[in-house]
Amino acid sequence: MRDFVQANWNSPTIVASRIKFANSWWDGFGSFQIHFRDLDVPRVPISLTQEMAYVTSYIACHIFCRKLNRMAQPAEFDDLKVELHRIITANRRGMSTVSAINSNFMKLTDTKDIIEDVDYYSTIWHSVSTVEVRYWIATTAP
């Protein structure tokens, strides 16, 4: 998911080189970070044939935006969310072009905003968007 979003990033206000894309957590460096983490939801493959199964998994996309002014939400925070949502909704079947999985479908299922005070002078604006990804996997024949 990280490589897919980074490859398709095309925001007019925040270029991809200003954003840290990772699979970990906010590390305090830079102003903009997007982290992708698998959610602990059991993946139960639905076997359609002896060779193929259909799997649904969920990925949490964490957007972090640091702002030195504690009183106002930064405009970049919404720009980051809008571009992430645009990439996912415009390319629902496109993730297989940059990853090894054969993605058949992905969609946004939930978005939550969280404000975290770091210290007296700055605030971290944090948004979590959940993406449902459905894809085919090869299974071994019995």
Foldseek 3Di string as FASTA:
>chain_A
DQVLLLVPQDFPPDHSVQEAEEQDDDDPPHFKYKHKYWDPDDWDWDDPDLWKTKTKTKIKIKIKGKDQAPPDDDPVSVSVVVRSQCSCVVCQQPPVVPDVFRWGGKHWDDKDWDWADPDPGMIMIMMIIMMMTMTMDTHHGD
